[in-house]
């Protein structure tokens, strides 16, 4: 990926598509993403989660013929994608139709490429007293804290390439592209975050950095499709 110069933490009113270098000067201001919406601590919980996931997958498989109006409005599911709709937990998104469901620790739902496990999408959420993503602070600061303090490990270098905000049906979303690089490995991803239903939702869809140019546009569709539903 092309390199760019780091920017200052004194955020400008508009942020150019430049790299944001990792820093330890900002203290995290919100909780980690380790809370799972469907914990698997006992065999009973595992069975309940398995049954629930099977039901949700059935909904996703039928999504091309039945999707709530609040999910896609007048739009149709794009070709070569399926819709995953979780009306119980209040969110939905598209994923490539040839991806398969899998368990990703600490996440409520996840799908991955049939052959490339690192090419995947997953969704998690945690409780919050906030009602809108704007309540966390300016978009640039919120995303910077997420990538550098929540998504990356101490041994990784975090770089943010782009940030976007959108409003759908009165609900606000931040979507951003970022890269995590360590000595022997690099992964690039999109993330979309939103707040609704007393929950802080996070969708992450990414791939190995070497394949990013090939799949970037495909994965951006997934990131932009994420919506929170009223429950």
C-alpha atoms as a PDB file:
ATOM      1  CA  UNK A   1       0.000   0.000   0.000  1.00  0.00           C
ATOM      2  CA  UNK A   2       1.133   3.544  -0.656  1.00  0.00           C
ATOM      3  CA  UNK A   3       2.630   5.310   2.340  1.00  0.00           C
ATOM      4  CA  UNK A   4       1.691   8.758   3.486  1.00  0.00           C
ATOM      5  CA  UNK A   5       2.844  11.200   6.112  1.00  0.00           C
ATOM      6  CA  UNK A   6       1.416  10.974   9.637  1.00  0.00           C
ATOM      7  CA  UNK A   7      -0.959  13.676  10.781  1.00  0.00           C
ATOM      8  CA  UNK A   8      -1.085  15.609  14.006  1.00  0.00           C
ATOM      9  CA  UNK A   9      -3.496  14.702  16.789  1.00  0.00           C
ATOM     10  CA  UNK A  10      -4.842  18.265  16.726  1.00  0.00           C
ATOM     11  CA  UNK A  11      -7.660  17.211  14.447  1.00  0.00           C
ATOM     12  CA  UNK A  12      -8.532  19.431  11.504  1.00  0.00           C
ATOM     13  CA  UNK A  13     -12.125  20.092  10.563  1.00  0.00           C
ATOM     14  CA  UNK A  14     -11.695  17.883   7.504  1.00  0.00           C
ATOM     15  CA  UNK A  15      -9.243  14.996   7.445  1.00  0.00           C
ATOM     16  CA  UNK A  16      -7.319  14.166   4.238  1.00  0.00           C
ATOM     17  CA  UNK A  17      -6.736  10.527   3.333  1.00  0.00           C
ATOM     18  CA  UNK A  18      -3.406  10.340   5.119  1.00  0.00           C
ATOM     19  CA  UNK A  19      -1.891   7.799   7.418  1.00  0.00           C
ATOM     20  CA  UNK A  20      -2.371   8.138  11.130  1.00  0.00           C
ATOM     21  CA  UNK A  21       0.628   6.726  12.955  1.00  0.00           C
ATOM     22  CA  UNK A  22       0.169   4.815  16.169  1.00  0.00           C
ATOM     23  CA  UNK A  23       0.639   6.793  19.363  1.00  0.00           C
ATOM     24  CA  UNK A  24       0.436   6.069  23.077  1.00  0.00           C
ATOM     25  CA  UNK A  25      -0.610   9.579  24.061  1.00  0.00           C
ATOM     26  CA  UNK A  26      -4.360   9.022  23.846  1.00  0.00           C
ATOM     27  CA  UNK A  27      -6.077   7.112  26.645  1.00  0.00           C
ATOM     28  CA  UNK A  28      -8.887   4.738  25.641  1.00  0.00           C
ATOM     29  CA  UNK A  29     -12.256   6.236  26.499  1.00  0.00           C
ATOM     30  CA  UNK A  30     -14.613   3.316  25.989  1.00  0.00           C
ATOM     31  CA  UNK A  31     -14.772  -0.416  26.795  1.00  0.00           C
ATOM     32  CA  UNK A  32     -13.062  -3.273  25.008  1.00  0.00           C
ATOM     33  CA  UNK A  33     -14.765  -5.588  22.537  1.00  0.00           C
ATOM     34  CA  UNK A  34     -14.273  -8.776  24.552  1.00  0.00           C
ATOM     35  CA  UNK A  35     -17.926  -9.175  25.575  1.00  0.00           C
ATOM     36  CA  UNK A  36     -19.657 -11.816  23.489  1.00  0.00           C
ATOM     37  CA  UNK A  37     -23.352 -11.530  22.764  1.00  0.00           C
ATOM     38  CA  UNK A  38     -23.640 -15.321  22.776  1.00  0.00           C
ATOM     39  CA  UNK A  39     -21.219 -16.661  25.395  1.00  0.00           C
ATOM     40  CA  UNK A  40     -20.230 -20.321  25.186  1.00  0.00           C
ATOM     41  CA  UNK A  41     -19.302 -21.077  28.800  1.00  0.00           C
ATOM     42  CA  UNK A  42     -21.330 -24.270  29.173  1.00  0.00           C
ATOM     43  CA  UNK A  43     -22.500 -27.048  26.913  1.00  0.00           C
ATOM     44  CA  UNK A  44     -26.064 -25.773  27.374  1.00  0.00           C
ATOM     45  CA  UNK A  45     -25.030 -22.341  26.148  1.00  0.00           C
ATOM     46  CA  UNK A  46     -23.233 -23.923  23.205  1.00  0.00           C
ATOM     47  CA  UNK A  47     -26.351 -25.827  22.190  1.00  0.00           C
ATOM     48  CA  UNK A  48     -28.508 -22.717  22.494  1.00  0.00           C
ATOM     49  CA  UNK A  49     -26.054 -20.685  20.438  1.00  0.00           C
ATOM     50  CA  UNK A  50     -25.868 -23.385  17.794  1.00  0.00           C
ATOM     51  CA  UNK A  51     -29.665 -23.531  17.440  1.00  0.00           C
ATOM     52  CA  UNK A  52     -29.903 -19.768  17.253  1.00  0.00           C
ATOM     53  CA  UNK A  53     -27.177 -19.516  14.598  1.00  0.00           C
ATOM     54  CA  UNK A  54     -28.926 -22.171  12.495  1.00  0.00           C
ATOM     55  CA  UNK A  55     -32.158 -20.168  12.633  1.00  0.00           C
ATOM     56  CA  UNK A  56     -30.369 -16.953  11.673  1.00  0.00           C
ATOM     57  CA  UNK A  57     -28.564 -18.660   8.811  1.00  0.00           C
ATOM     58  CA  UNK A  58     -31.910 -19.874   7.539  1.00  0.00           C
ATOM     59  CA  UNK A  59     -33.102 -16.282   7.491  1.00  0.00           C
ATOM     60  CA  UNK A  60     -29.972 -15.263   5.586  1.00  0.00           C
ATOM     61  CA  UNK A  61     -30.472 -17.973   2.985  1.00  0.00           C
ATOM     62  CA  UNK A  62     -34.012 -16.743   2.320  1.00  0.00           C
ATOM     63  CA  UNK A  63     -33.016 -13.096   2.330  1.00  0.00           C
ATOM     64  CA  UNK A  64     -33.138 -12.685  -1.434  1.00  0.00           C
ATOM     65  CA  UNK A  65     -36.895 -13.311  -1.350  1.00  0.00           C
ATOM     66  CA  UNK A  66     -37.776 -11.870   2.078  1.00  0.00           C
ATOM     67  CA  UNK A  67     -36.024  -9.023   3.849  1.00  0.00           C
ATOM     68  CA  UNK A  68     -37.614  -6.508   6.244  1.00  0.00           C
ATOM     69  CA  UNK A  69     -38.241  -3.136   4.634  1.00  0.00           C
ATOM     70  CA  UNK A  70     -36.179  -1.452   7.349  1.00  0.00           C
ATOM     71  CA  UNK A  71     -33.165  -3.518   6.247  1.00  0.00           C
ATOM     72  CA  UNK A  72     -32.824  -2.712   2.572  1.00  0.00           C
ATOM     73  CA  UNK A  73     -35.628  -0.220   1.957  1.00  0.00           C
ATOM     74  CA  UNK A  74     -36.329  -0.406  -1.766  1.00  0.00           C
ATOM     75  CA  UNK A  75     -32.954  -1.938  -2.620  1.00  0.00           C
ATOM     76  CA  UNK A  76     -32.259  -5.547  -3.507  1.00  0.00           C
ATOM     77  CA  UNK A  77     -29.413  -7.685  -2.242  1.00  0.00           C
ATOM     78  CA  UNK A  78     -26.505  -7.214  -4.698  1.00  0.00           C
ATOM     79  CA  UNK A  79     -25.577 -10.076  -7.003  1.00  0.00           C
ATOM     80  CA  UNK A  80     -23.166 -12.592  -5.443  1.00  0.00           C
ATOM     81  CA  UNK A  81     -24.094 -11.531  -1.900  1.00  0.00           C
ATOM     82  CA  UNK A  82     -26.459 -12.829   0.749  1.00  0.00           C
ATOM     83  CA  UNK A  83     -28.138 -10.899   3.535  1.00  0.00           C
ATOM     84  CA  UNK A  84     -27.674 -11.801   7.182  1.00  0.00           C
ATOM     85  CA  UNK A  85     -30.522 -10.447   9.320  1.00  0.00           C
ATOM     86  CA  UNK A  86     -30.491 -10.780  13.109  1.00  0.00           C
ATOM     87  CA  UNK A  87     -33.831  -9.336  14.189  1.00  0.00           C
ATOM     88  CA  UNK A  88     -33.269 -10.546  17.752  1.00  0.00           C
ATOM     89  CA  UNK A  89     -30.031  -8.597  18.276  1.00  0.00           C
ATOM     90  CA  UNK A  90     -30.920  -5.768  15.919  1.00  0.00           C
ATOM     91  CA  UNK A  91     -28.506  -5.691  12.987  1.00  0.00           C
ATOM     92  CA  UNK A  92     -28.023  -6.839   9.398  1.00  0.00           C
ATOM     93  CA  UNK A  93     -25.421  -6.871   6.642  1.00  0.00           C
ATOM     94  CA  UNK A  94     -24.461  -8.465   3.317  1.00  0.00           C
ATOM     95  CA  UNK A  95     -21.713 -11.046   2.904  1.00  0.00           C
ATOM     96  CA  UNK A  96     -20.322 -12.793  -0.219  1.00  0.00           C
ATOM     97  CA  UNK A  97     -22.605 -15.667  -1.167  1.00  0.00           C
ATOM     98  CA  UNK A  98     -19.772 -18.224  -1.284  1.00  0.00           C
ATOM     99  CA  UNK A  99     -18.612 -17.503   2.275  1.00  0.00           C
ATOM    100  CA  UNK A 100     -19.562 -19.848   5.090  1.00  0.00           C
ATOM    101  CA  UNK A 101     -20.588 -19.350   8.695  1.00  0.00           C
ATOM    102  CA  UNK A 102     -18.041 -19.978  11.451  1.00  0.00           C
ATOM    103  CA  UNK A 103     -17.566 -19.345  15.173  1.00  0.00           C
ATOM    104  CA  UNK A 104     -15.319 -16.374  15.901  1.00  0.00           C
ATOM    105  CA  UNK A 105     -14.577 -16.100  19.618  1.00  0.00           C
ATOM    106  CA  UNK A 106     -16.184 -13.056  21.199  1.00  0.00           C
ATOM    107  CA  UNK A 107     -18.405 -12.269  18.225  1.00  0.00           C
ATOM    108  CA  UNK A 108     -22.137 -12.677  17.621  1.00  0.00           C
ATOM    109  CA  UNK A 109     -21.913 -13.674  13.947  1.00  0.00           C
ATOM    110  CA  UNK A 110     -19.129 -14.318  11.433  1.00  0.00           C
ATOM    111  CA  UNK A 111     -18.580 -15.553   7.875  1.00  0.00           C
ATOM    112  CA  UNK A 112     -15.345 -16.400   6.083  1.00  0.00           C
ATOM    113  CA  UNK A 113     -14.068 -17.210   2.629  1.00  0.00           C
ATOM    114  CA  UNK A 114     -14.332 -20.907   1.867  1.00  0.00           C
ATOM    115  CA  UNK A 115     -10.589 -21.246   1.290  1.00  0.00           C
ATOM    116  CA  UNK A 116      -8.997 -18.166   2.893  1.00  0.00           C
ATOM    117  CA  UNK A 117      -9.896 -18.069   6.573  1.00  0.00           C
ATOM    118  CA  UNK A 118      -8.296 -14.649   7.107  1.00  0.00           C
ATOM    119  CA  UNK A 119     -10.737 -13.154   4.612  1.00  0.00           C
ATOM    120  CA  UNK A 120     -13.786 -12.768   6.815  1.00  0.00           C
ATOM    121  CA  UNK A 121     -16.464 -10.585   8.368  1.00  0.00           C
ATOM    122  CA  UNK A 122     -17.562 -10.620  11.988  1.00  0.00           C
ATOM    123  CA  UNK A 123     -19.915  -8.619  14.189  1.00  0.00           C
ATOM    124  CA  UNK A 124     -19.811  -8.012  17.928  1.00  0.00           C
ATOM    125  CA  UNK A 125     -21.593  -5.692  20.335  1.00  0.00           C
ATOM    126  CA  UNK A 126     -21.337  -4.550  23.933  1.00  0.00           C
ATOM    127  CA  UNK A 127     -23.779  -2.751  26.245  1.00  0.00           C
ATOM    128  CA  UNK A 128     -23.667   1.045  26.347  1.00  0.00           C
ATOM    129  CA  UNK A 129     -25.616   3.875  27.907  1.00  0.00           C
ATOM    130  CA  UNK A 130     -25.005   6.002  24.800  1.00  0.00           C
ATOM    131  CA  UNK A 131     -27.758   6.406  22.223  1.00  0.00           C
ATOM    132  CA  UNK A 132     -25.742   7.570  19.204  1.00  0.00           C
ATOM    133  CA  UNK A 133     -22.195   7.182  17.916  1.00  0.00           C
ATOM    134  CA  UNK A 134     -21.775  10.986  18.011  1.00  0.00           C
ATOM    135  CA  UNK A 135     -21.909  10.860  21.809  1.00  0.00           C
ATOM    136  CA  UNK A 136     -18.487   9.168  21.857  1.00  0.00           C
ATOM    137  CA  UNK A 137     -16.830  12.280  20.441  1.00  0.00           C
ATOM    138  CA  UNK A 138     -15.513  13.560  17.096  1.00  0.00           C
ATOM    139  CA  UNK A 139     -15.286  10.876  14.410  1.00  0.00           C
ATOM    140  CA  UNK A 140     -11.503  11.236  14.000  1.00  0.00           C
ATOM    141  CA  UNK A 141     -10.807  10.737  17.693  1.00  0.00           C
ATOM    142  CA  UNK A 142     -13.251   7.848  18.075  1.00  0.00           C
ATOM    143  CA  UNK A 143     -11.733   5.956  15.144  1.00  0.00           C
ATOM    144  CA  UNK A 144      -8.162   6.720  16.170  1.00  0.00           C
ATOM    145  CA  UNK A 145      -8.776   5.345  19.672  1.00  0.00           C
ATOM    146  CA  UNK A 146     -10.471   2.244  18.303  1.00  0.00           C
ATOM    147  CA  UNK A 147      -7.728   1.326  15.855  1.00  0.00           C
ATOM    148  CA  UNK A 148      -4.730   2.148  18.014  1.00  0.00           C
ATOM    149  CA  UNK A 149      -6.015   1.028  21.415  1.00  0.00           C
ATOM    150  CA  UNK A 150      -8.660  -1.633  20.740  1.00  0.00           C
ATOM    151  CA  UNK A 151      -7.996  -3.290  17.389  1.00  0.00           C
ATOM    152  CA  UNK A 152      -4.188  -3.423  17.437  1.00  0.00           C
ATOM    153  CA  UNK A 153      -1.747  -5.327  19.636  1.00  0.00           C
ATOM    154  CA  UNK A 154       1.298  -3.637  21.223  1.00  0.00           C
ATOM    155  CA  UNK A 155       3.545  -5.280  18.615  1.00  0.00           C
ATOM    156  CA  UNK A 156       1.527  -3.965  15.669  1.00  0.00           C
ATOM    157  CA  UNK A 157       1.753  -0.696  13.794  1.00  0.00           C
ATOM    158  CA  UNK A 158      -1.702   0.753  13.094  1.00  0.00           C
ATOM    159  CA  UNK A 159      -2.453   2.951  10.095  1.00  0.00           C
ATOM    160  CA  UNK A 160      -5.776   4.578   9.188  1.00  0.00           C
ATOM    161  CA  UNK A 161      -6.380   5.349   5.513  1.00  0.00           C
ATOM    162  CA  UNK A 162      -9.909   6.687   5.272  1.00  0.00           C
ATOM    163  CA  UNK A 163     -12.889   7.671   7.418  1.00  0.00           C
ATOM    164  CA  UNK A 164     -16.495   8.108   6.342  1.00  0.00           C
ATOM    165  CA  UNK A 165     -19.754   8.945   8.087  1.00  0.00           C
ATOM    166  CA  UNK A 166     -23.243   8.118   6.866  1.00  0.00           C
ATOM    167  CA  UNK A 167     -26.777   8.453   8.154  1.00  0.00           C
ATOM    168  CA  UNK A 168     -29.443   5.883   7.300  1.00  0.00           C
ATOM    169  CA  UNK A 169     -32.994   6.176   8.626  1.00  0.00           C
ATOM    170  CA  UNK A 170     -31.830   8.568  11.341  1.00  0.00           C
ATOM    171  CA  UNK A 171     -29.009   6.313  12.563  1.00  0.00           C
ATOM    172  CA  UNK A 172     -25.338   7.330  12.280  1.00  0.00           C
ATOM    173  CA  UNK A 173     -22.450   5.091  11.224  1.00  0.00           C
ATOM    174  CA  UNK A 174     -18.678   5.487  11.037  1.00  0.00           C
ATOM    175  CA  UNK A 175     -16.886   3.351   8.416  1.00  0.00           C
ATOM    176  CA  UNK A 176     -13.104   3.384   8.112  1.00  0.00           C
ATOM    177  CA  UNK A 177     -10.235   1.551   6.424  1.00  0.00           C
ATOM    178  CA  UNK A 178      -7.150   0.603   8.401  1.00  0.00           C
ATOM    179  CA  UNK A 179      -4.079  -1.628   8.368  1.00  0.00           C
ATOM    180  CA  UNK A 180      -2.331  -3.540  11.165  1.00  0.00           C
ATOM    181  CA  UNK A 181       1.270  -4.487  10.477  1.00  0.00           C
ATOM    182  CA  UNK A 182       3.676  -6.611  12.499  1.00  0.00           C
ATOM    183  CA  UNK A 183       7.117  -7.967  11.661  1.00  0.00           C
ATOM    184  CA  UNK A 184       5.906 -10.893   9.549  1.00  0.00           C
ATOM    185  CA  UNK A 185       2.276 -10.138   8.835  1.00  0.00           C
ATOM    186  CA  UNK A 186      -0.064  -7.380   7.682  1.00  0.00           C
ATOM    187  CA  UNK A 187      -3.856  -7.317   7.572  1.00  0.00           C
ATOM    188  CA  UNK A 188      -6.112  -4.630   6.124  1.00  0.00           C
ATOM    189  CA  UNK A 189      -9.777  -4.163   6.936  1.00  0.00           C
ATOM    190  CA  UNK A 190     -12.862  -1.999   6.929  1.00  0.00           C
ATOM    191  CA  UNK A 191     -14.820  -1.450  10.128  1.00  0.00           C
ATOM    192  CA  UNK A 192     -18.267   0.033  10.683  1.00  0.00           C
ATOM    193  CA  UNK A 193     -19.464   1.096  14.129  1.00  0.00           C
ATOM    194  CA  UNK A 194     -22.882   2.275  15.301  1.00  0.00           C
ATOM    195  CA  UNK A 195     -24.932   2.613  18.473  1.00  0.00           C
ATOM    196  CA  UNK A 196     -28.580   1.572  18.874  1.00  0.00           C
ATOM    197  CA  UNK A 197     -30.746  -0.508  21.206  1.00  0.00           C
ATOM    198  CA  UNK A 198     -28.422   0.198  24.129  1.00  0.00           C
ATOM    199  CA  UNK A 199     -25.590  -1.569  22.245  1.00  0.00           C
ATOM    200  CA  UNK A 200     -22.339  -0.531  20.643  1.00  0.00           C
ATOM    201  CA  UNK A 201     -22.073  -2.541  17.409  1.00  0.00           C
ATOM    202  CA  UNK A 202     -18.859  -3.229  15.497  1.00  0.00           C
ATOM    203  CA  UNK A 203     -18.526  -4.932  12.117  1.00  0.00           C
ATOM    204  CA  UNK A 204     -15.040  -5.752  10.799  1.00  0.00           C
ATOM    205  CA  UNK A 205     -14.388  -7.197   7.333  1.00  0.00           C
ATOM    206  CA  UNK A 206     -10.843  -7.724   6.122  1.00  0.00           C
ATOM    207  CA  UNK A 207      -8.220  -9.782   4.354  1.00  0.00           C
ATOM    208  CA  UNK A 208      -4.509 -10.462   4.162  1.00  0.00           C
ATOM    209  CA  UNK A 209      -2.780  -7.275   2.999  1.00  0.00           C
ATOM    210  CA  UNK A 210      -1.397  -9.053  -0.074  1.00  0.00           C
ATOM    211  CA  UNK A 211      -4.932  -9.743  -1.342  1.00  0.00           C
ATOM    212  CA  UNK A 212      -6.400  -6.405  -0.370  1.00  0.00           C
ATOM    213  CA  UNK A 213      -6.288  -4.804  -3.824  1.00  0.00           C
ATOM    214  CA  UNK A 214      -8.182  -7.739  -5.307  1.00  0.00           C
ATOM    215  CA  UNK A 215     -10.976  -7.817  -2.750  1.00  0.00           C
ATOM    216  CA  UNK A 216     -11.180  -4.241  -1.438  1.00  0.00           C
ATOM    217  CA  UNK A 217     -14.235  -3.226  -3.462  1.00  0.00           C
ATOM    218  CA  UNK A 218     -16.031  -6.471  -2.616  1.00  0.00           C
ATOM    219  CA  UNK A 219     -15.416  -6.015   1.101  1.00  0.00           C
ATOM    220  CA  UNK A 220     -16.410  -2.337   1.040  1.00  0.00           C
ATOM    221  CA  UNK A 221     -19.910  -3.473   0.007  1.00  0.00           C
ATOM    222  CA  UNK A 222     -20.049  -5.534   3.204  1.00  0.00           C
ATOM    223  CA  UNK A 223     -18.874  -2.653   5.394  1.00  0.00           C
ATOM    224  CA  UNK A 224     -21.333  -0.188   3.837  1.00  0.00           C
ATOM    225  CA  UNK A 225     -24.255  -2.614   4.102  1.00  0.00           C
ATOM    226  CA  UNK A 226     -24.190  -2.825   7.893  1.00  0.00           C
ATOM    227  CA  UNK A 227     -27.377  -1.504   9.500  1.00  0.00           C
ATOM    228  CA  UNK A 228     -28.801  -1.516  12.998  1.00  0.00           C
ATOM    229  CA  UNK A 229     -32.452  -2.472  13.391  1.00  0.00           C
ATOM    230  CA  UNK A 230     -34.932  -1.395  16.044  1.00  0.00           C
ATOM    231  CA  UNK A 231     -35.659  -4.124  18.579  1.00  0.00           C
END
